[in-house]
Amino acid sequence: EKQNPSQIGTNGWMDHRWVRLNTYILALKEHLKGFSQAANSAFGTTPISTQIQQAVHCEPLKFRDYFEPKLSAAQRDALIAAVKAVQNLETVLGKDRVVQPYVPKPKPELKVKARI
């Protein structure tokens, strides 16, 4: 199959993209490990789906210095869909069918950081 010349990158750029893709997939796999368990069966609390449902009827944050309004039905549905999508991604990445031919060193990691 002949490629469009505008879609062909230099070897360096193609290598860079390949390394970034594989590094990101590996970091995502590690970052999402345990998400479903934490969302569904965290000790001493309700499943996150129940908490999302309850947030339509009462404010989701009760012990904070700032006000968090109730969720609308659309917000609830979007959050539930997002949680399901993350759980699905965790499942897909957790299976051995996502083969990582490039092994980055050091091992990549994703960190969530609040902007202050």
PDB file of N, CA and C in Angstrom:
ATOM      1  N   GLU A   1       0.852  -1.178   0.000  1.00  0.00           N
ATOM      2  CA  GLU A   1       0.000   0.000   0.000  1.00  0.00           C
ATOM      3  C   GLU A   1       0.896   1.239   0.000  1.00  0.00           C
ATOM      4  N   LYS A   2       0.644   2.130  -0.928  1.00  0.00           N
ATOM      5  CA  LYS A   2       1.437   3.346  -1.048  1.00  0.00           C
ATOM      6  C   LYS A   2       0.927   4.395  -0.065  1.00  0.00           C
ATOM      7  N   GLN A   3       1.869   5.018   0.647  1.00  0.00           N
ATOM      8  CA  GLN A   3       1.492   6.036   1.632  1.00  0.00           C
ATOM      9  C   GLN A   3       1.583   7.423   1.021  1.00  0.00           C
ATOM     10  N   ASN A   4       0.766   8.292   1.525  1.00  0.00           N
ATOM     11  CA  ASN A   4       0.805   9.694   1.146  1.00  0.00           C
ATOM     12  C   ASN A   4       2.087  10.293   1.704  1.00  0.00           C
ATOM     13  N   PRO A   5       2.920  10.946   0.895  1.00  0.00           N
ATOM     14  CA  PRO A   5       4.183  11.506   1.402  1.00  0.00           C
ATOM     15  C   PRO A   5       4.017  12.459   2.576  1.00  0.00           C
ATOM     16  N   SER A   6       2.869  13.135   2.684  1.00  0.00           N
ATOM     17  CA  SER A   6       2.667  14.054   3.801  1.00  0.00           C
ATOM     18  C   SER A   6       2.421  13.298   5.105  1.00  0.00           C
ATOM     19  N   GLN A   7       2.152  11.999   5.039  1.00  0.00           N
ATOM     20  CA  GLN A   7       1.901  11.199   6.231  1.00  0.00           C
ATOM     21  C   GLN A   7       3.121  10.396   6.663  1.00  0.00           C
ATOM     22  N   ILE A   8       4.193  10.518   5.956  1.00  0.00           N
ATOM     23  CA  ILE A   8       5.411   9.782   6.301  1.00  0.00           C
ATOM     24  C   ILE A   8       6.314  10.712   7.100  1.00  0.00           C
ATOM     25  N   GLY A   9       6.728  10.268   8.273  1.00  0.00           N
ATOM     26  CA  GLY A   9       7.622  11.072   9.099  1.00  0.00           C
ATOM     27  C   GLY A   9       9.062  10.642   8.920  1.00  0.00           C
ATOM     28  N   THR A  10       9.953  11.429   9.458  1.00  0.00           N
ATOM     29  CA  THR A  10      11.358  11.028   9.440  1.00  0.00           C
ATOM     30  C   THR A  10      11.538   9.848  10.381  1.00  0.00           C
ATOM     31  N   ASN A  11      12.598   9.104  10.204  1.00  0.00           N
ATOM     32  CA  ASN A  11      12.846   7.956  11.075  1.00  0.00           C
ATOM     33  C   ASN A  11      12.923   8.378  12.535  1.00  0.00           C
ATOM     34  N   GLY A  12      13.586   9.492  12.801  1.00  0.00           N
ATOM     35  CA  GLY A  12      13.703   9.972  14.177  1.00  0.00           C
ATOM     36  C   GLY A  12      12.350  10.290  14.782  1.00  0.00           C
ATOM     37  N   TRP A  13      11.495  10.954  13.990  1.00  0.00           N
ATOM     38  CA  TRP A  13      10.166  11.306  14.494  1.00  0.00           C
ATOM     39  C   TRP A  13       9.316  10.063  14.693  1.00  0.00           C
ATOM     40  N   MET A  14       9.373   9.118  13.757  1.00  0.00           N
ATOM     41  CA  MET A  14       8.599   7.883  13.885  1.00  0.00           C
ATOM     42  C   MET A  14       9.077   7.079  15.096  1.00  0.00           C
ATOM     43  N   ASP A  15      10.385   7.021  15.308  1.00  0.00           N
ATOM     44  CA  ASP A  15      10.923   6.336  16.493  1.00  0.00           C
ATOM     45  C   ASP A  15      10.438   7.018  17.766  1.00  0.00           C
ATOM     46  N   HIS A  16      10.474   8.338  17.778  1.00  0.00           N
ATOM     47  CA  HIS A  16      10.029   9.098  18.948  1.00  0.00           C
ATOM     48  C   HIS A  16       8.573   8.786  19.270  1.00  0.00           C
ATOM     49  N   ARG A  17       7.727   8.798  18.262  1.00  0.00           N
ATOM     50  CA  ARG A  17       6.305   8.519  18.471  1.00  0.00           C
ATOM     51  C   ARG A  17       6.095   7.097  18.973  1.00  0.00           C
ATOM     52  N   TRP A  18       6.845   6.146  18.434  1.00  0.00           N
ATOM     53  CA  TRP A  18       6.713   4.749  18.849  1.00  0.00           C
ATOM     54  C   TRP A  18       7.113   4.574  20.315  1.00  0.00           C
ATOM     55  N   VAL A  19       8.215   5.186  20.693  1.00  0.00           N
ATOM     56  CA  VAL A  19       8.681   5.118  22.084  1.00  0.00           C
ATOM     57  C   VAL A  19       7.659   5.773  23.000  1.00  0.00           C
ATOM     58  N   ARG A  20       7.155   6.938  22.638  1.00  0.00           N
ATOM     59  CA  ARG A  20       6.157   7.631  23.463  1.00  0.00           C
ATOM     60  C   ARG A  20       4.884   6.812  23.619  1.00  0.00           C
ATOM     61  N   LEU A  21       4.405   6.211  22.523  1.00  0.00           N
ATOM     62  CA  LEU A  21       3.205   5.387  22.585  1.00  0.00           C
ATOM     63  C   LEU A  21       3.405   4.230  23.562  1.00  0.00           C
ATOM     64  N   ASN A  22       4.475   3.488  23.398  1.00  0.00           N
ATOM     65  CA  ASN A  22       4.716   2.329  24.244  1.00  0.00           C
ATOM     66  C   ASN A  22       4.945   2.724  25.699  1.00  0.00           C
ATOM     67  N   THR A  23       5.631   3.812  25.922  1.00  0.00           N
ATOM     68  CA  THR A  23       5.876   4.294  27.280  1.00  0.00           C
ATOM     69  C   THR A  23       4.564   4.705  27.935  1.00  0.00           C
ATOM     70  N   TYR A  24       3.726   5.401  27.195  1.00  0.00           N
ATOM     71  CA  TYR A  24       2.453   5.861  27.742  1.00  0.00           C
ATOM     72  C   TYR A  24       1.518   4.695  28.047  1.00  0.00           C
ATOM     73  N   ILE A  25       1.449   3.720  27.142  1.00  0.00           N
ATOM     74  CA  ILE A  25       0.591   2.554  27.367  1.00  0.00           C
ATOM     75  C   ILE A  25       1.041   1.803  28.618  1.00  0.00           C
ATOM     76  N   LEU A  26       2.339   1.612  28.774  1.00  0.00           N
ATOM     77  CA  LEU A  26       2.859   0.917  29.945  1.00  0.00           C
ATOM     78  C   LEU A  26       2.558   1.701  31.225  1.00  0.00           C
ATOM     79  N   ALA A  27       2.750   3.018  31.191  1.00  0.00           N
ATOM     80  CA  ALA A  27       2.469   3.848  32.363  1.00  0.00           C
ATOM     81  C   ALA A  27       0.980   3.828  32.702  1.00  0.00           C
ATOM     82  N   LEU A  28       0.117   3.883  31.685  1.00  0.00           N
ATOM     83  CA  LEU A  28      -1.327   3.810  31.920  1.00  0.00           C
ATOM     84  C   LEU A  28      -1.706   2.479  32.562  1.00  0.00           C
ATOM     85  N   LYS A  29      -1.132   1.394  32.048  1.00  0.00           N
ATOM     86  CA  LYS A  29      -1.422   0.064  32.589  1.00  0.00           C
ATOM     87  C   LYS A  29      -1.098   0.003  34.081  1.00  0.00           C
ATOM     88  N   GLU A  30       0.064   0.513  34.451  1.00  0.00           N
ATOM     89  CA  GLU A  30       0.465   0.500  35.853  1.00  0.00           C
ATOM     90  C   GLU A  30      -0.398   1.439  36.695  1.00  0.00           C
ATOM     91  N   HIS A  31      -0.693   2.604  36.149  1.00  0.00           N
ATOM     92  CA  HIS A  31      -1.462   3.614  36.879  1.00  0.00           C
ATOM     93  C   HIS A  31      -2.889   3.140  37.171  1.00  0.00           C
ATOM     94  N   LEU A  32      -3.488   2.413  36.236  1.00  0.00           N
ATOM     95  CA  LEU A  32      -4.881   1.994  36.388  1.00  0.00           C
ATOM     96  C   LEU A  32      -5.039   0.688  37.158  1.00  0.00           C
ATOM     97  N   LYS A  33      -3.940   0.004  37.415  1.00  0.00           N
ATOM     98  CA  LYS A  33      -4.022  -1.269  38.128  1.00  0.00           C
ATOM     99  C   LYS A  33      -4.692  -1.054  39.484  1.00  0.00           C
ATOM    100  N   GLY A  34      -5.764  -1.775  39.729  1.00  0.00           N
ATOM    101  CA  GLY A  34      -6.480  -1.680  41.006  1.00  0.00           C
ATOM    102  C   GLY A  34      -7.619  -0.668  41.013  1.00  0.00           C
ATOM    103  N   PHE A  35      -7.821   0.047  39.910  1.00  0.00           N
ATOM    104  CA  PHE A  35      -8.884   1.057  39.865  1.00  0.00           C
ATOM    105  C   PHE A  35     -10.255   0.436  40.138  1.00  0.00           C
ATOM    106  N   SER A  36     -10.571  -0.640  39.441  1.00  0.00           N
ATOM    107  CA  SER A  36     -11.891  -1.268  39.591  1.00  0.00           C
ATOM    108  C   SER A  36     -12.111  -1.766  41.011  1.00  0.00           C
ATOM    109  N   GLN A  37     -11.107  -2.357  41.579  1.00  0.00           N
ATOM    110  CA  GLN A  37     -11.242  -2.855  42.950  1.00  0.00           C
ATOM    111  C   GLN A  37     -11.505  -1.691  43.904  1.00  0.00           C
ATOM    112  N   ALA A  38     -10.761  -0.618  43.747  1.00  0.00           N
ATOM    113  CA  ALA A  38     -10.946   0.546  44.622  1.00  0.00           C
ATOM    114  C   ALA A  38     -12.323   1.187  44.407  1.00  0.00           C
ATOM    115  N   ALA A  39     -12.782   1.238  43.163  1.00  0.00           N
ATOM    116  CA  ALA A  39     -14.074   1.863  42.864  1.00  0.00           C
ATOM    117  C   ALA A  39     -15.248   1.011  43.338  1.00  0.00           C
ATOM    118  N   ASN A  40     -15.066  -0.296  43.344  1.00  0.00           N
ATOM    119  CA  ASN A  40     -16.192  -1.192  43.633  1.00  0.00           C
ATOM    120  C   ASN A  40     -16.227  -1.749  45.043  1.00  0.00           C
ATOM    121  N   SER A  41     -15.086  -1.902  45.676  1.00  0.00           N
ATOM    122  CA  SER A  41     -15.111  -2.601  46.957  1.00  0.00           C
ATOM    123  C   SER A  41     -14.111  -2.054  47.958  1.00  0.00           C
ATOM    124  N   ALA A  42     -13.993  -0.759  48.007  1.00  0.00           N
ATOM    125  CA  ALA A  42     -13.092  -0.164  48.993  1.00  0.00           C
ATOM    126  C   ALA A  42     -13.623  -0.452  50.392  1.00  0.00           C
ATOM    127  N   PHE A  43     -12.753  -0.866  51.265  1.00  0.00           N
ATOM    128  CA  PHE A  43     -13.147  -1.242  52.631  1.00  0.00           C
ATOM    129  C   PHE A  43     -13.740  -0.041  53.368  1.00  0.00           C
ATOM    130  N   GLY A  44     -14.878  -0.249  53.991  1.00  0.00           N
ATOM    131  CA  GLY A  44     -15.481   0.773  54.844  1.00  0.00           C
ATOM    132  C   GLY A  44     -16.213   1.875  54.113  1.00  0.00           C
ATOM    133  N   THR A  45     -16.527   1.677  52.848  1.00  0.00           N
ATOM    134  CA  THR A  45     -17.241   2.704  52.104  1.00  0.00           C
ATOM    135  C   THR A  45     -18.142   2.060  51.059  1.00  0.00           C
ATOM    136  N   THR A  46     -18.969   2.854  50.429  1.00  0.00           N
ATOM    137  CA  THR A  46     -19.855   2.351  49.381  1.00  0.00           C
ATOM    138  C   THR A  46     -19.132   2.372  48.043  1.00  0.00           C
ATOM    139  N   PRO A  47     -19.581   1.576  47.105  1.00  0.00           N
ATOM    140  CA  PRO A  47     -18.979   1.631  45.767  1.00  0.00           C
ATOM    141  C   PRO A  47     -19.120   3.034  45.170  1.00  0.00           C
ATOM    142  N   ILE A  48     -18.169   3.415  44.339  1.00  0.00           N
ATOM    143  CA  ILE A  48     -18.176   4.764  43.759  1.00  0.00           C
ATOM    144  C   ILE A  48     -19.435   4.987  42.913  1.00  0.00           C
ATOM    145  N   SER A  49     -19.970   3.940  42.282  1.00  0.00           N
ATOM    146  CA  SER A  49     -21.195   4.111  41.490  1.00  0.00           C
ATOM    147  C   SER A  49     -22.371   4.517  42.386  1.00  0.00           C
ATOM    148  N   THR A  50     -22.433   3.965  43.585  1.00  0.00           N
ATOM    149  CA  THR A  50     -23.480   4.343  44.549  1.00  0.00           C
ATOM    150  C   THR A  50     -23.267   5.786  45.001  1.00  0.00           C
ATOM    151  N   GLN A  51     -22.035   6.144  45.266  1.00  0.00           N
ATOM    152  CA  GLN A  51     -21.728   7.514  45.686  1.00  0.00           C
ATOM    153  C   GLN A  51     -22.102   8.509  44.596  1.00  0.00           C
ATOM    154  N   ILE A  52     -21.846   8.145  43.353  1.00  0.00           N
ATOM    155  CA  ILE A  52     -22.225   9.022  42.231  1.00  0.00           C
ATOM    156  C   ILE A  52     -23.748   9.157  42.179  1.00  0.00           C
ATOM    157  N   GLN A  53     -24.460   8.050  42.321  1.00  0.00           N
ATOM    158  CA  GLN A  53     -25.931   8.092  42.313  1.00  0.00           C
ATOM    159  C   GLN A  53     -26.461   8.980  43.439  1.00  0.00           C
ATOM    160  N   GLN A  54     -25.866   8.861  44.621  1.00  0.00           N
ATOM    161  CA  GLN A  54     -26.296   9.651  45.775  1.00  0.00           C
ATOM    162  C   GLN A  54     -26.021  11.144  45.575  1.00  0.00           C
ATOM    163  N   ALA A  55     -25.017  11.470  44.785  1.00  0.00           N
ATOM    164  CA  ALA A  55     -24.641  12.873  44.576  1.00  0.00           C
ATOM    165  C   ALA A  55     -25.686  13.655  43.782  1.00  0.00           C
ATOM    166  N   VAL A  56     -26.671  12.967  43.237  1.00  0.00           N
ATOM    167  CA  VAL A  56     -27.789  13.654  42.573  1.00  0.00           C
ATOM    168  C   VAL A  56     -28.753  14.192  43.621  1.00  0.00           C
ATOM    169  N   HIS A  57     -28.801  13.524  44.774  1.00  0.00           N
ATOM    170  CA  HIS A  57     -29.763  13.876  45.821  1.00  0.00           C
ATOM    171  C   HIS A  57     -29.164  14.698  46.963  1.00  0.00           C
ATOM    172  N   CYS A  58     -27.853  14.605  47.151  1.00  0.00           N
ATOM    173  CA  CYS A  58     -27.201  15.387  48.200  1.00  0.00           C
ATOM    174  C   CYS A  58     -25.789  15.761  47.750  1.00  0.00           C
ATOM    175  N   GLU A  59     -25.256  16.811  48.331  1.00  0.00           N
ATOM    176  CA  GLU A  59     -23.939  17.299  47.946  1.00  0.00           C
ATOM    177  C   GLU A  59     -22.893  16.201  48.155  1.00  0.00           C
ATOM    178  N   PRO A  60     -22.015  15.972  47.181  1.00  0.00           N
ATOM    179  CA  PRO A  60     -21.048  14.881  47.283  1.00  0.00           C
ATOM    180  C   PRO A  60     -19.929  15.128  48.297  1.00  0.00           C
ATOM    181  N   LEU A  61     -19.588  16.377  48.550  1.00  0.00           N
ATOM    182  CA  LEU A  61     -18.549  16.697  49.531  1.00  0.00           C
ATOM    183  C   LEU A  61     -19.206  17.310  50.758  1.00  0.00           C
ATOM    184  N   LYS A  62     -19.021  16.644  51.876  1.00  0.00           N
ATOM    185  CA  LYS A  62     -19.702  17.090  53.098  1.00  0.00           C
ATOM    186  C   LYS A  62     -18.761  17.691  54.140  1.00  0.00           C
ATOM    187  N   PHE A  63     -17.505  17.352  54.065  1.00  0.00           N
ATOM    188  CA  PHE A  63     -16.563  17.795  55.093  1.00  0.00           C
ATOM    189  C   PHE A  63     -15.453  18.623  54.468  1.00  0.00           C
ATOM    190  N   ARG A  64     -15.801  19.566  53.654  1.00  0.00           N
ATOM    191  CA  ARG A  64     -14.828  20.419  52.988  1.00  0.00           C
ATOM    192  C   ARG A  64     -15.130  21.880  53.289  1.00  0.00           C
ATOM    193  N   ASP A  65     -14.163  22.714  53.065  1.00  0.00           N
ATOM    194  CA  ASP A  65     -14.327  24.149  53.285  1.00  0.00           C
ATOM    195  C   ASP A  65     -15.008  24.847  52.110  1.00  0.00           C
ATOM    196  N   TYR A  66     -15.319  24.109  51.076  1.00  0.00           N
ATOM    197  CA  TYR A  66     -15.961  24.724  49.921  1.00  0.00           C
ATOM    198  C   TYR A  66     -17.208  23.929  49.550  1.00  0.00           C
ATOM    199  N   PHE A  67     -18.085  24.577  48.832  1.00  0.00           N
ATOM    200  CA  PHE A  67     -19.377  24.000  48.475  1.00  0.00           C
ATOM    201  C   PHE A  67     -19.260  23.210  47.172  1.00  0.00           C
ATOM    202  N   GLU A  68     -19.803  22.041  47.164  1.00  0.00           N
ATOM    203  CA  GLU A  68     -19.878  21.211  45.956  1.00  0.00           C
ATOM    204  C   GLU A  68     -21.359  20.935  45.708  1.00  0.00           C
ATOM    205  N   PRO A  69     -21.912  21.456  44.619  1.00  0.00           N
ATOM    206  CA  PRO A  69     -23.351  21.270  44.382  1.00  0.00           C
ATOM    207  C   PRO A  69     -23.689  19.828  44.016  1.00  0.00           C
ATOM    208  N   LYS A  70     -24.968  19.508  44.120  1.00  0.00           N
ATOM    209  CA  LYS A  70     -25.454  18.200  43.694  1.00  0.00           C
ATOM    210  C   LYS A  70     -25.177  18.027  42.199  1.00  0.00           C
ATOM    211  N   LEU A  71     -25.087  16.775  41.789  1.00  0.00           N
ATOM    212  CA  LEU A  71     -24.904  16.487  40.367  1.00  0.00           C
ATOM    213  C   LEU A  71     -26.241  16.535  39.643  1.00  0.00           C
ATOM    214  N   SER A  72     -26.200  16.967  38.411  1.00  0.00           N
ATOM    215  CA  SER A  72     -27.386  16.838  37.564  1.00  0.00           C
ATOM    216  C   SER A  72     -27.420  15.399  37.044  1.00  0.00           C
ATOM    217  N   ALA A  73     -28.529  15.006  36.489  1.00  0.00           N
ATOM    218  CA  ALA A  73     -28.640  13.654  35.925  1.00  0.00           C
ATOM    219  C   ALA A  73     -27.618  13.467  34.805  1.00  0.00           C
ATOM    220  N   ALA A  74     -27.406  14.506  34.003  1.00  0.00           N
ATOM    221  CA  ALA A  74     -26.430  14.416  32.911  1.00  0.00           C
ATOM    222  C   ALA A  74     -25.006  14.253  33.453  1.00  0.00           C
ATOM    223  N   GLN A  75     -24.680  14.985  34.518  1.00  0.00           N
ATOM    224  CA  GLN A  75     -23.361  14.845  35.134  1.00  0.00           C
ATOM    225  C   GLN A  75     -23.181  13.441  35.719  1.00  0.00           C
ATOM    226  N   ARG A  76     -24.223  12.956  36.384  1.00  0.00           N
ATOM    227  CA  ARG A  76     -24.187  11.595  36.937  1.00  0.00           C
ATOM    228  C   ARG A  76     -23.923  10.578  35.837  1.00  0.00           C
ATOM    229  N   ASP A  77     -24.674  10.682  34.751  1.00  0.00           N
ATOM    230  CA  ASP A  77     -24.523   9.731  33.650  1.00  0.00           C
ATOM    231  C   ASP A  77     -23.126   9.807  33.036  1.00  0.00           C
ATOM    232  N   ALA A  78     -22.598  11.022  32.906  1.00  0.00           N
ATOM    233  CA  ALA A  78     -21.255  11.190  32.345  1.00  0.00           C
ATOM    234  C   ALA A  78     -20.190  10.588  33.262  1.00  0.00           C
ATOM    235  N   LEU A  79     -20.341  10.791  34.573  1.00  0.00           N
ATOM    236  CA  LEU A  79     -19.379  10.218  35.530  1.00  0.00           C
ATOM    237  C   LEU A  79     -19.441   8.695  35.539  1.00  0.00           C
ATOM    238  N   ILE A  80     -20.635   8.154  35.515  1.00  0.00           N
ATOM    239  CA  ILE A  80     -20.789   6.693  35.488  1.00  0.00           C
ATOM    240  C   ILE A  80     -20.169   6.130  34.210  1.00  0.00           C
ATOM    241  N   ALA A  81     -20.405   6.787  33.094  1.00  0.00           N
ATOM    242  CA  ALA A  81     -19.804   6.342  31.825  1.00  0.00           C
ATOM    243  C   ALA A  81     -18.282   6.437  31.881  1.00  0.00           C
ATOM    244  N   ALA A  82     -17.760   7.505  32.486  1.00  0.00           N
ATOM    245  CA  ALA A  82     -16.302   7.668  32.595  1.00  0.00           C
ATOM    246  C   ALA A  82     -15.686   6.580  33.464  1.00  0.00           C
ATOM    247  N   VAL A  83     -16.331   6.265  34.582  1.00  0.00           N
ATOM    248  CA  VAL A  83     -15.826   5.203  35.462  1.00  0.00           C
ATOM    249  C   VAL A  83     -15.823   3.874  34.719  1.00  0.00           C
ATOM    250  N   LYS A  84     -16.901   3.579  34.002  1.00  0.00           N
ATOM    251  CA  LYS A  84     -16.969   2.338  33.227  1.00  0.00           C
ATOM    252  C   LYS A  84     -15.884   2.301  32.157  1.00  0.00           C
ATOM    253  N   ALA A  85     -15.625   3.431  31.503  1.00  0.00           N
ATOM    254  CA  ALA A  85     -14.587   3.491  30.470  1.00  0.00           C
ATOM    255  C   ALA A  85     -13.198   3.232  31.065  1.00  0.00           C
ATOM    256  N   VAL A  86     -12.933   3.807  32.237  1.00  0.00           N
ATOM    257  CA  VAL A  86     -11.643   3.582  32.897  1.00  0.00           C
ATOM    258  C   VAL A  86     -11.521   2.123  33.315  1.00  0.00           C
ATOM    259  N   GLN A  87     -12.602   1.546  33.827  1.00  0.00           N
ATOM    260  CA  GLN A  87     -12.573   0.138  34.204  1.00  0.00           C
ATOM    261  C   GLN A  87     -12.326  -0.748  32.982  1.00  0.00           C
ATOM    262  N   ASN A  88     -12.955  -0.411  31.863  1.00  0.00           N
ATOM    263  CA  ASN A  88     -12.750  -1.166  30.633  1.00  0.00           C
ATOM    264  C   ASN A  88     -11.300  -1.045  30.163  1.00  0.00           C
ATOM    265  N   LEU A  89     -10.754   0.162  30.220  1.00  0.00           N
ATOM    266  CA  LEU A  89      -9.366   0.365  29.826  1.00  0.00           C
ATOM    267  C   LEU A  89      -8.424  -0.422  30.723  1.00  0.00           C
ATOM    268  N   GLU A  90      -8.695  -0.427  32.015  1.00  0.00           N
ATOM    269  CA  GLU A  90      -7.889  -1.215  32.951  1.00  0.00           C
ATOM    270  C   GLU A  90      -7.908  -2.688  32.553  1.00  0.00           C
ATOM    271  N   THR A  91      -9.089  -3.196  32.208  1.00  0.00           N
ATOM    272  CA  THR A  91      -9.224  -4.594  31.813  1.00  0.00           C
ATOM    273  C   THR A  91      -8.445  -4.885  30.535  1.00  0.00           C
ATOM    274  N   VAL A  92      -8.613  -4.036  29.532  1.00  0.00           N
ATOM    275  CA  VAL A  92      -7.933  -4.243  28.248  1.00  0.00           C
ATOM    276  C   VAL A  92      -6.417  -4.185  28.418  1.00  0.00           C
ATOM    277  N   LEU A  93      -5.923  -3.189  29.132  1.00  0.00           N
ATOM    278  CA  LEU A  93      -4.475  -3.054  29.314  1.00  0.00           C
ATOM    279  C   LEU A  93      -3.916  -4.135  30.226  1.00  0.00           C
ATOM    280  N   GLY A  94      -4.743  -4.681  31.099  1.00  0.00           N
ATOM    281  CA  GLY A  94      -4.279  -5.708  32.012  1.00  0.00           C
ATOM    282  C   GLY A  94      -4.103  -7.067  31.365  1.00  0.00           C
ATOM    283  N   LYS A  95      -4.635  -7.233  30.184  1.00  0.00           N
ATOM    284  CA  LYS A  95      -4.510  -8.506  29.481  1.00  0.00           C
ATOM    285  C   LYS A  95      -3.209  -8.528  28.696  1.00  0.00           C
ATOM    286  N   ASP A  96      -2.692  -9.697  28.501  1.00  0.00           N
ATOM    287  CA  ASP A  96      -1.413  -9.842  27.806  1.00  0.00           C
ATOM    288  C   ASP A  96      -1.489  -9.569  26.311  1.00  0.00           C
ATOM    289  N   ARG A  97      -2.689  -9.300  25.802  1.00  0.00           N
ATOM    290  CA  ARG A  97      -2.788  -9.066  24.361  1.00  0.00           C
ATOM    291  C   ARG A  97      -2.226  -7.705  23.948  1.00  0.00           C
ATOM    292  N   VAL A  98      -2.016  -6.811  24.905  1.00  0.00           N
ATOM    293  CA  VAL A  98      -1.363  -5.538  24.601  1.00  0.00           C
ATOM    294  C   VAL A  98       0.130  -5.757  24.792  1.00  0.00           C
ATOM    295  N   VAL A  99       0.797  -6.099  23.714  1.00  0.00           N
ATOM    296  CA  VAL A  99       2.217  -6.447  23.756  1.00  0.00           C
ATOM    297  C   VAL A  99       3.050  -5.179  23.667  1.00  0.00           C
ATOM    298  N   GLN A 100       4.022  -5.067  24.534  1.00  0.00           N
ATOM    299  CA  GLN A 100       4.905  -3.918  24.547  1.00  0.00           C
ATOM    300  C   GLN A 100       6.265  -4.325  23.969  1.00  0.00           C
ATOM    301  N   PRO A 101       6.497  -4.088  22.683  1.00  0.00           N
ATOM    302  CA  PRO A 101       7.780  -4.480  22.101  1.00  0.00           C
ATOM    303  C   PRO A 101       8.941  -3.599  22.575  1.00  0.00           C
ATOM    304  N   TYR A 102       8.658  -2.373  22.936  1.00  0.00           N
ATOM    305  CA  TYR A 102       9.690  -1.467  23.419  1.00  0.00           C
ATOM    306  C   TYR A 102       9.604  -1.444  24.941  1.00  0.00           C
ATOM    307  N   VAL A 103      10.702  -1.703  25.597  1.00  0.00           N
ATOM    308  CA  VAL A 103      10.734  -1.705  27.056  1.00  0.00           C
ATOM    309  C   VAL A 103      11.519  -0.480  27.519  1.00  0.00           C
ATOM    310  N   PRO A 104      10.813   0.551  28.010  1.00  0.00           N
ATOM    311  CA  PRO A 104      11.496   1.770  28.431  1.00  0.00           C
ATOM    312  C   PRO A 104      12.254   1.571  29.742  1.00  0.00           C
ATOM    313  N   LYS A 105      13.394   2.225  29.827  1.00  0.00           N
ATOM    314  CA  LYS A 105      14.194   2.221  31.055  1.00  0.00           C
ATOM    315  C   LYS A 105      14.603   3.653  31.327  1.00  0.00           C
ATOM    316  N   PRO A 106      14.289   4.177  32.503  1.00  0.00           N
ATOM    317  CA  PRO A 106      13.616   3.540  33.631  1.00  0.00           C
ATOM    318  C   PRO A 106      12.135   3.330  33.336  1.00  0.00           C
ATOM    319  N   LYS A 107      11.484   2.544  34.166  1.00  0.00           N
ATOM    320  CA  LYS A 107      10.071   2.241  34.017  1.00  0.00           C
ATOM    321  C   LYS A 107       9.261   3.527  34.180  1.00  0.00           C
ATOM    322  N   PRO A 108       8.352   3.825  33.242  1.00  0.00           N
ATOM    323  CA  PRO A 108       7.577   5.065  33.328  1.00  0.00           C
ATOM    324  C   PRO A 108       6.495   4.989  34.397  1.00  0.00           C
ATOM    325  N   GLU A 109       6.088   6.150  34.880  1.00  0.00           N
ATOM    326  CA  GLU A 109       4.978   6.209  35.825  1.00  0.00           C
ATOM    327  C   GLU A 109       4.197   7.486  35.586  1.00  0.00           C
ATOM    328  N   LEU A 110       2.897   7.404  35.827  1.00  0.00           N
ATOM    329  CA  LEU A 110       2.021   8.574  35.752  1.00  0.00           C
ATOM    330  C   LEU A 110       1.729   9.021  37.166  1.00  0.00           C
ATOM    331  N   LYS A 111       1.697  10.323  37.362  1.00  0.00           N
ATOM    332  CA  LYS A 111       1.355  10.875  38.664  1.00  0.00           C
ATOM    333  C   LYS A 111       0.284  11.935  38.483  1.00  0.00           C
ATOM    334  N   VAL A 112      -0.664  11.908  39.383  1.00  0.00           N
ATOM    335  CA  VAL A 112      -1.704  12.932  39.378  1.00  0.00           C
ATOM    336  C   VAL A 112      -1.271  14.003  40.348  1.00  0.00           C
ATOM    337  N   LYS A 113      -1.284  15.245  39.889  1.00  0.00           N
ATOM    338  CA  LYS A 113      -0.812  16.346  40.720  1.00  0.00           C
ATOM    339  C   LYS A 113      -1.801  17.508  40.603  1.00  0.00           C
ATOM    340  N   ALA A 114      -2.255  17.975  41.734  1.00  0.00           N
ATOM    341  CA  ALA A 114      -3.171  19.115  41.745  1.00  0.00           C
ATOM    342  C   ALA A 114      -2.393  20.398  41.481  1.00  0.00           C
ATOM    343  N   ARG A 115      -2.959  21.252  40.668  1.00  0.00           N
ATOM    344  CA  ARG A 115      -2.351  22.572  40.427  1.00  0.00           C
ATOM    345  C   ARG A 115      -2.695  23.477  41.597  1.00  0.00           C
ATOM    346  N   ILE A 116      -1.703  24.025  42.185  1.00  0.00           N
ATOM    347  CA  ILE A 116      -1.927  24.879  43.350  1.00  0.00           C
ATOM    348  C   ILE A 116      -1.633  26.313  42.998  1.00  0.00           C
TER     349      ILE A 116
END
